Amino acid sequence: MKEKAIKIEDSDSFQTIFTKYGALALDKQESLGELIGDKIGDLNIEEGVLSFADDLEFPIQIIGILSNETNKWHWAWDNEGIDLPENLVKEALEVKEIGENYKISQFTTNIFDADNLEAHLIAMAVSGIMDDSGYYAVDFDEITFFVTIKSDKISCDETIERFINVYNKFQKEFDVKARPAFEGYAKLRGYEYKEKEEFSVAKMGESRVIVGFTDRGNVTHIQTMLE
């Protein structure tokens, strides 16, 4: 029986939310990157689309704007003076509501200090929470628009190899707790998840991924059982 029991809890911090949802967001970014290759996205705010060359176009939501001069994040729901179309900031408003419900200051503070990396972490968290197909950063020199995408054109690689590679990359390259990250990724992928004292198991059909952990929660090994 497939599980999909990951949700935001009352005690969750932004970091906890990112840990739960970030690996799936990274997986989707890999898929988006494979689709667009080295093409540069062109943002058309009036039409609400992001296009790559002449053959690829996605509907978007604008979630935020990063000032590259001041290193400040501006949520799209607070766009006085910019007048972004209301239909393009619906997702940002939903994230704000989540922040209000669970007291996540990063989702409710309209403007705050953030560098480029932190802006990407916010976009990944939003993409994961909102079950988007991915996000994209559109650079206009002084400012960068962060937009999310929902599209069936972006396929999902369901292989066990992809799951292992993305999880391993996520727990190594991002400041997250490895075991909760594995649980979140497995359950959001719809896999059965079991946890023992020294290891956790994700079951994909007849195959299994077993991850061992130290007492401090660091990964000791990743093993696959293919049946």
C-alpha atoms as a PDB file:
ATOM      1  CA  MET A   1       0.000   0.000   0.000  1.00  0.00           C
ATOM      2  CA  LYS A   2       1.404   3.371  -0.991  1.00  0.00           C
ATOM      3  CA  GLU A   3       1.972   6.045   1.611  1.00  0.00           C
ATOM      4  CA  LYS A   4       1.641   9.781   1.242  1.00  0.00           C
ATOM      5  CA  ALA A   5       1.527  10.973   4.834  1.00  0.00           C
ATOM      6  CA  ILE A   6       4.033  13.823   4.753  1.00  0.00           C
ATOM      7  CA  LYS A   7       2.522  17.084   5.924  1.00  0.00           C
ATOM      8  CA  ILE A   8       3.515  20.258   7.740  1.00  0.00           C
ATOM      9  CA  GLU A   9       3.264  19.964  11.522  1.00  0.00           C
ATOM     10  CA  ASP A  10       2.673  22.725  14.079  1.00  0.00           C
ATOM     11  CA  SER A  11       6.230  22.500  15.385  1.00  0.00           C
ATOM     12  CA  ASP A  12       7.921  22.583  11.966  1.00  0.00           C
ATOM     13  CA  SER A  13      10.511  25.247  11.200  1.00  0.00           C
ATOM     14  CA  PHE A  14      11.370  26.310   7.655  1.00  0.00           C
ATOM     15  CA  GLN A  15      14.398  24.003   7.822  1.00  0.00           C
ATOM     16  CA  THR A  16      12.210  21.053   8.804  1.00  0.00           C
ATOM     17  CA  ILE A  17       9.830  21.771   5.950  1.00  0.00           C
ATOM     18  CA  PHE A  18      12.726  22.021   3.506  1.00  0.00           C
ATOM     19  CA  THR A  19      14.081  18.698   4.783  1.00  0.00           C
ATOM     20  CA  LYS A  20      10.724  16.987   4.206  1.00  0.00           C
ATOM     21  CA  TYR A  21       9.979  18.390   0.760  1.00  0.00           C
ATOM     22  CA  GLY A  22      13.362  19.355  -0.663  1.00  0.00           C
ATOM     23  CA  ALA A  23      14.469  16.029  -2.167  1.00  0.00           C
ATOM     24  CA  LEU A  24      11.294  15.712  -4.242  1.00  0.00           C
ATOM     25  CA  ALA A  25      11.730  19.310  -5.377  1.00  0.00           C
ATOM     26  CA  LEU A  26      15.327  18.536  -6.366  1.00  0.00           C
ATOM     27  CA  ASP A  27      14.122  15.475  -8.293  1.00  0.00           C
ATOM     28  CA  LYS A  28      11.684  17.636 -10.250  1.00  0.00           C
ATOM     29  CA  GLN A  29      14.400  20.222 -10.933  1.00  0.00           C
ATOM     30  CA  GLU A  30      16.505  17.443 -12.442  1.00  0.00           C
ATOM     31  CA  SER A  31      13.590  16.553 -14.732  1.00  0.00           C
ATOM     32  CA  LEU A  32      13.064  20.177 -15.729  1.00  0.00           C
ATOM     33  CA  GLY A  33      16.767  20.558 -16.471  1.00  0.00           C
ATOM     34  CA  GLU A  34      16.755  17.443 -18.644  1.00  0.00           C
ATOM     35  CA  LEU A  35      13.841  18.855 -20.639  1.00  0.00           C
ATOM     36  CA  ILE A  36      15.100  22.397 -21.235  1.00  0.00           C
ATOM     37  CA  GLY A  37      18.806  21.631 -21.522  1.00  0.00           C
ATOM     38  CA  ASP A  38      20.841  24.821 -21.936  1.00  0.00           C
ATOM     39  CA  LYS A  39      17.923  26.897 -23.210  1.00  0.00           C
ATOM     40  CA  ILE A  40      17.303  30.225 -21.441  1.00  0.00           C
ATOM     41  CA  GLY A  41      13.781  30.957 -20.260  1.00  0.00           C
ATOM     42  CA  ASP A  42      11.905  34.052 -21.419  1.00  0.00           C
ATOM     43  CA  LEU A  43       9.330  35.361 -18.927  1.00  0.00           C
ATOM     44  CA  ASN A  44       6.174  37.032 -20.247  1.00  0.00           C
ATOM     45  CA  ILE A  45       4.326  38.393 -17.227  1.00  0.00           C
ATOM     46  CA  GLU A  46       1.385  39.748 -19.219  1.00  0.00           C
ATOM     47  CA  GLU A  47       0.625  36.297 -20.622  1.00  0.00           C
ATOM     48  CA  GLY A  48       1.765  34.455 -17.501  1.00  0.00           C
ATOM     49  CA  VAL A  49       4.080  32.087 -19.339  1.00  0.00           C
ATOM     50  CA  LEU A  50       7.719  31.047 -19.364  1.00  0.00           C
ATOM     51  CA  SER A  51       8.996  29.988 -22.771  1.00  0.00           C
ATOM     52  CA  PHE A  52      12.127  28.231 -23.963  1.00  0.00           C
ATOM     53  CA  ALA A  53      12.848  28.843 -27.652  1.00  0.00           C
ATOM     54  CA  ASP A  54       9.741  28.435 -29.833  1.00  0.00           C
ATOM     55  CA  ASP A  55       8.702  24.931 -28.895  1.00  0.00           C
ATOM     56  CA  LEU A  56       8.357  24.903 -25.110  1.00  0.00           C
ATOM     57  CA  GLU A  57       6.052  27.048 -22.983  1.00  0.00           C
ATOM     58  CA  PHE A  58       4.834  26.733 -19.407  1.00  0.00           C
ATOM     59  CA  PRO A  59       2.167  28.519 -17.347  1.00  0.00           C
ATOM     60  CA  ILE A  60       3.749  30.033 -14.249  1.00  0.00           C
ATOM     61  CA  GLN A  61       3.124  31.448 -10.812  1.00  0.00           C
ATOM     62  CA  ILE A  62       5.394  34.213  -9.525  1.00  0.00           C
ATOM     63  CA  ILE A  63       6.419  33.444  -5.967  1.00  0.00           C
ATOM     64  CA  GLY A  64       9.055  36.066  -5.259  1.00  0.00           C
ATOM     65  CA  ILE A  65      11.675  38.509  -6.452  1.00  0.00           C
ATOM     66  CA  LEU A  66      15.281  38.663  -5.297  1.00  0.00           C
ATOM     67  CA  SER A  67      17.088  41.996  -5.429  1.00  0.00           C
ATOM     68  CA  ASN A  68      20.604  41.216  -6.593  1.00  0.00           C
ATOM     69  CA  GLU A  69      21.782  44.664  -5.477  1.00  0.00           C
ATOM     70  CA  THR A  70      20.511  44.578  -1.888  1.00  0.00           C
ATOM     71  CA  ASN A  71      20.274  40.782  -1.372  1.00  0.00           C
ATOM     72  CA  LYS A  72      16.660  40.985  -0.244  1.00  0.00           C
ATOM     73  CA  TRP A  73      13.811  38.597  -0.946  1.00  0.00           C
ATOM     74  CA  HIS A  74      10.430  40.153  -1.806  1.00  0.00           C
ATOM     75  CA  TRP A  75       7.373  37.899  -1.718  1.00  0.00           C
ATOM     76  CA  ALA A  76       5.176  38.265  -4.791  1.00  0.00           C
ATOM     77  CA  TRP A  77       2.063  38.649  -2.635  1.00  0.00           C
ATOM     78  CA  ASP A  78       3.468  42.006  -1.503  1.00  0.00           C
ATOM     79  CA  ASN A  79       3.904  43.694  -4.868  1.00  0.00           C
ATOM     80  CA  GLU A  80       2.721  47.248  -4.299  1.00  0.00           C
ATOM     81  CA  GLY A  81       4.324  49.429  -6.954  1.00  0.00           C
ATOM     82  CA  ILE A  82       4.902  46.477  -9.266  1.00  0.00           C
ATOM     83  CA  ASP A  83       1.251  45.523  -9.740  1.00  0.00           C
ATOM     84  CA  LEU A  84       1.741  41.888 -10.630  1.00  0.00           C
ATOM     85  CA  PRO A  85      -1.385  40.230 -12.056  1.00  0.00           C
ATOM     86  CA  GLU A  86      -3.498  38.745  -9.261  1.00  0.00           C
ATOM     87  CA  ASN A  87      -3.821  35.423 -11.054  1.00  0.00           C
ATOM     88  CA  LEU A  88      -0.027  35.006 -11.014  1.00  0.00           C
ATOM     89  CA  VAL A  89       0.446  35.410  -7.251  1.00  0.00           C
ATOM     90  CA  LYS A  90      -2.213  32.942  -6.070  1.00  0.00           C
ATOM     91  CA  GLU A  91       0.384  30.367  -5.084  1.00  0.00           C
ATOM     92  CA  ALA A  92       2.443  32.940  -3.195  1.00  0.00           C
ATOM     93  CA  LEU A  93      -0.683  33.873  -1.241  1.00  0.00           C
ATOM     94  CA  GLU A  94      -1.314  30.204  -0.444  1.00  0.00           C
ATOM     95  CA  VAL A  95       2.235  29.928   0.896  1.00  0.00           C
ATOM     96  CA  LYS A  96       1.663  33.025   3.015  1.00  0.00           C
ATOM     97  CA  GLU A  97      -1.453  31.397   4.476  1.00  0.00           C
ATOM     98  CA  ILE A  98       0.547  28.269   5.283  1.00  0.00           C
ATOM     99  CA  GLY A  99       3.104  30.472   7.004  1.00  0.00           C
ATOM    100  CA  GLU A 100       0.412  32.163   9.063  1.00  0.00           C
ATOM    101  CA  ASN A 101      -1.134  28.841  10.064  1.00  0.00           C
ATOM    102  CA  TYR A 102       2.162  27.277  11.116  1.00  0.00           C
ATOM    103  CA  LYS A 103       4.072  30.395  12.185  1.00  0.00           C
ATOM    104  CA  ILE A 104       6.771  30.133   9.504  1.00  0.00           C
ATOM    105  CA  SER A 105       8.268  33.631   9.410  1.00  0.00           C
ATOM    106  CA  GLN A 106      10.028  33.026   6.084  1.00  0.00           C
ATOM    107  CA  PHE A 107       6.590  32.689   4.475  1.00  0.00           C
ATOM    108  CA  THR A 108       4.943  35.685   6.160  1.00  0.00           C
ATOM    109  CA  THR A 109       7.661  38.358   6.207  1.00  0.00           C
ATOM    110  CA  ASN A 110       7.202  40.398   3.046  1.00  0.00           C
ATOM    111  CA  ILE A 111      10.857  41.453   2.659  1.00  0.00           C
ATOM    112  CA  PHE A 112      13.941  39.950   4.304  1.00  0.00           C
ATOM    113  CA  ASP A 113      17.665  39.442   3.757  1.00  0.00           C
ATOM    114  CA  ALA A 114      18.492  36.561   1.412  1.00  0.00           C
ATOM    115  CA  ASP A 115      21.272  35.719  -0.989  1.00  0.00           C
ATOM    116  CA  ASN A 116      20.919  33.760  -4.212  1.00  0.00           C
ATOM    117  CA  LEU A 117      21.309  30.374  -2.504  1.00  0.00           C
ATOM    118  CA  GLU A 118      18.699  31.191   0.142  1.00  0.00           C
ATOM    119  CA  ALA A 119      16.284  32.321  -2.580  1.00  0.00           C
ATOM    120  CA  HIS A 120      16.692  28.970  -4.324  1.00  0.00           C
ATOM    121  CA  LEU A 121      16.027  27.148  -1.036  1.00  0.00           C
ATOM    122  CA  ILE A 122      12.793  29.099  -0.633  1.00  0.00           C
ATOM    123  CA  ALA A 123      11.774  28.251  -4.196  1.00  0.00           C
ATOM    124  CA  MET A 124      12.550  24.565  -3.639  1.00  0.00           C
ATOM    125  CA  ALA A 125      10.494  24.510  -0.447  1.00  0.00           C
ATOM    126  CA  VAL A 126       7.549  26.173  -2.168  1.00  0.00           C
ATOM    127  CA  SER A 127       7.804  23.861  -5.173  1.00  0.00           C
ATOM    128  CA  GLY A 128       7.748  20.839  -2.884  1.00  0.00           C
ATOM    129  CA  ILE A 129       4.909  22.003  -0.648  1.00  0.00           C
ATOM    130  CA  MET A 130       2.712  23.048  -3.573  1.00  0.00           C
ATOM    131  CA  ASP A 131       3.470  19.909  -5.609  1.00  0.00           C
ATOM    132  CA  ASP A 132       4.734  21.958  -8.545  1.00  0.00           C
ATOM    133  CA  SER A 133       6.571  20.459 -11.509  1.00  0.00           C
ATOM    134  CA  GLY A 134       9.553  22.692 -10.786  1.00  0.00           C
ATOM    135  CA  TYR A 135      10.704  26.281 -10.469  1.00  0.00           C
ATOM    136  CA  TYR A 136      12.851  28.618 -12.532  1.00  0.00           C
ATOM    137  CA  ALA A 137      14.872  31.747 -11.785  1.00  0.00           C
ATOM    138  CA  VAL A 138      14.664  34.460 -14.441  1.00  0.00           C
ATOM    139  CA  ASP A 139      17.598  36.849 -14.139  1.00  0.00           C
ATOM    140  CA  PHE A 140      17.102  40.506 -15.100  1.00  0.00           C
ATOM    141  CA  ASP A 141      20.523  41.647 -13.801  1.00  0.00           C
ATOM    142  CA  GLU A 142      19.355  43.824 -10.891  1.00  0.00           C
ATOM    143  CA  ILE A 143      16.494  41.504  -9.920  1.00  0.00           C
ATOM    144  CA  THR A 144      15.655  37.831 -10.335  1.00  0.00           C
ATOM    145  CA  PHE A 145      12.090  36.556 -10.645  1.00  0.00           C
ATOM    146  CA  PHE A 146      11.419  33.147  -9.109  1.00  0.00           C
ATOM    147  CA  VAL A 147       8.503  31.346 -10.742  1.00  0.00           C
ATOM    148  CA  THR A 148       6.954  27.917 -10.294  1.00  0.00           C
ATOM    149  CA  ILE A 149       5.678  25.654 -13.049  1.00  0.00           C
ATOM    150  CA  LYS A 150       2.960  23.015 -13.270  1.00  0.00           C
ATOM    151  CA  SER A 151       3.062  21.029 -16.491  1.00  0.00           C
ATOM    152  CA  ASP A 152       2.577  17.475 -17.745  1.00  0.00           C
ATOM    153  CA  LYS A 153       5.405  18.140 -20.200  1.00  0.00           C
ATOM    154  CA  ILE A 154       7.885  17.618 -17.358  1.00  0.00           C
ATOM    155  CA  SER A 155       8.068  13.868 -16.872  1.00  0.00           C
ATOM    156  CA  CYS A 156       9.072  12.066 -13.694  1.00  0.00           C
ATOM    157  CA  ASP A 157      11.833   9.460 -13.703  1.00  0.00           C
ATOM    158  CA  GLU A 158      10.429   6.651 -11.536  1.00  0.00           C
ATOM    159  CA  THR A 159      13.532   4.455 -11.574  1.00  0.00           C
ATOM    160  CA  ILE A 160      15.184   3.261  -8.403  1.00  0.00           C
ATOM    161  CA  GLU A 161      18.492   4.640  -9.680  1.00  0.00           C
ATOM    162  CA  ARG A 162      17.038   8.121  -9.921  1.00  0.00           C
ATOM    163  CA  PHE A 163      15.606   7.883  -6.410  1.00  0.00           C
ATOM    164  CA  ILE A 164      18.959   6.864  -4.928  1.00  0.00           C
ATOM    165  CA  ASN A 165      20.969   9.440  -6.850  1.00  0.00           C
ATOM    166  CA  VAL A 166      18.679  12.328  -5.927  1.00  0.00           C
ATOM    167  CA  TYR A 167      18.478  11.335  -2.273  1.00  0.00           C
ATOM    168  CA  ASN A 168      22.232  10.919  -1.992  1.00  0.00           C
ATOM    169  CA  LYS A 169      22.824  14.298  -3.635  1.00  0.00           C
ATOM    170  CA  PHE A 170      20.246  15.999  -1.429  1.00  0.00           C
ATOM    171  CA  GLN A 171      21.545  14.681   1.897  1.00  0.00           C
ATOM    172  CA  LYS A 172      25.153  15.435   0.943  1.00  0.00           C
ATOM    173  CA  GLU A 173      24.810  18.899  -0.588  1.00  0.00           C
ATOM    174  CA  PHE A 174      22.125  20.477   1.580  1.00  0.00           C
ATOM    175  CA  ASP A 175      22.015  21.197   5.306  1.00  0.00           C
ATOM    176  CA  VAL A 176      19.352  18.636   6.198  1.00  0.00           C
ATOM    177  CA  LYS A 177      18.880  15.718   8.560  1.00  0.00           C
ATOM    178  CA  ALA A 178      19.389  12.636   6.446  1.00  0.00           C
ATOM    179  CA  ARG A 179      16.769  10.308   7.944  1.00  0.00           C
ATOM    180  CA  PRO A 180      13.784  12.712   7.859  1.00  0.00           C
ATOM    181  CA  ALA A 181      14.866  13.675   4.328  1.00  0.00           C
ATOM    182  CA  PHE A 182      14.722  10.017   3.278  1.00  0.00           C
ATOM    183  CA  GLU A 183      11.317   9.563   4.886  1.00  0.00           C
ATOM    184  CA  GLY A 184       9.905  12.665   3.247  1.00  0.00           C
ATOM    185  CA  TYR A 185      11.218  11.813  -0.199  1.00  0.00           C
ATOM    186  CA  ALA A 186      10.065   8.189  -0.032  1.00  0.00           C
ATOM    187  CA  LYS A 187       6.559   8.979   1.168  1.00  0.00           C
ATOM    188  CA  LEU A 188       6.059  11.899  -1.223  1.00  0.00           C
ATOM    189  CA  ARG A 189       7.092   9.565  -4.032  1.00  0.00           C
ATOM    190  CA  GLY A 190       4.322   7.252  -2.838  1.00  0.00           C
ATOM    191  CA  TYR A 191       6.597   4.487  -1.573  1.00  0.00           C
ATOM    192  CA  GLU A 192       6.114   2.362   1.522  1.00  0.00           C
ATOM    193  CA  TYR A 193       8.423   3.487   4.304  1.00  0.00           C
ATOM    194  CA  LYS A 194       9.607   1.494   7.322  1.00  0.00           C
ATOM    195  CA  GLU A 195      11.999   2.627  10.042  1.00  0.00           C
ATOM    196  CA  LYS A 196      14.197   0.546  12.327  1.00  0.00           C
ATOM    197  CA  GLU A 197      16.726   1.704  14.915  1.00  0.00           C
ATOM    198  CA  GLU A 198      19.757   1.675  12.627  1.00  0.00           C
ATOM    199  CA  PHE A 199      18.218   1.845   9.144  1.00  0.00           C
ATOM    200  CA  SER A 200      15.189   2.871   7.101  1.00  0.00           C
ATOM    201  CA  VAL A 201      13.594   1.121   4.135  1.00  0.00           C
ATOM    202  CA  ALA A 202      11.688   2.443   1.132  1.00  0.00           C
ATOM    203  CA  LYS A 203       9.764  -0.172  -0.831  1.00  0.00           C
ATOM    204  CA  MET A 204       9.112   0.407  -4.539  1.00  0.00           C
ATOM    205  CA  GLY A 205       7.049  -2.455  -5.869  1.00  0.00           C
ATOM    206  CA  GLU A 206       9.187  -5.533  -5.238  1.00  0.00           C
ATOM    207  CA  SER A 207      12.395  -3.518  -4.859  1.00  0.00           C
ATOM    208  CA  ARG A 208      13.783  -1.897  -1.737  1.00  0.00           C
ATOM    209  CA  VAL A 209      16.235   0.856  -0.856  1.00  0.00           C
ATOM    210  CA  ILE A 210      17.830   0.441   2.561  1.00  0.00           C
ATOM    211  CA  VAL A 211      19.682   3.358   4.147  1.00  0.00           C
ATOM    212  CA  GLY A 212      21.781   2.859   7.267  1.00  0.00           C
ATOM    213  CA  PHE A 213      22.323   5.641   9.797  1.00  0.00           C
ATOM    214  CA  THR A 214      24.697   6.374  12.664  1.00  0.00           C
ATOM    215  CA  ASP A 215      23.437   7.348  16.125  1.00  0.00           C
ATOM    216  CA  ARG A 216      23.760  10.973  14.986  1.00  0.00           C
ATOM    217  CA  GLY A 217      21.663  10.330  11.900  1.00  0.00           C
ATOM    218  CA  ASN A 218      24.420  10.387   9.298  1.00  0.00           C
ATOM    219  CA  VAL A 219      24.220   7.994   6.356  1.00  0.00           C
ATOM    220  CA  THR A 220      26.485   4.953   6.643  1.00  0.00           C
ATOM    221  CA  HIS A 221      25.416   3.114   3.504  1.00  0.00           C
ATOM    222  CA  ILE A 222      22.749   2.884   0.818  1.00  0.00           C
ATOM    223  CA  GLN A 223      21.821  -0.614  -0.351  1.00  0.00           C
ATOM    224  CA  THR A 224      19.360  -1.794  -2.974  1.00  0.00           C
ATOM    225  CA  MET A 225      17.457  -5.077  -3.097  1.00  0.00           C
ATOM    226  CA  LEU A 226      16.007  -5.793  -6.515  1.00  0.00           C
ATOM    227  CA  GLU A 227      13.407  -8.510  -6.817  1.00  0.00           C
END
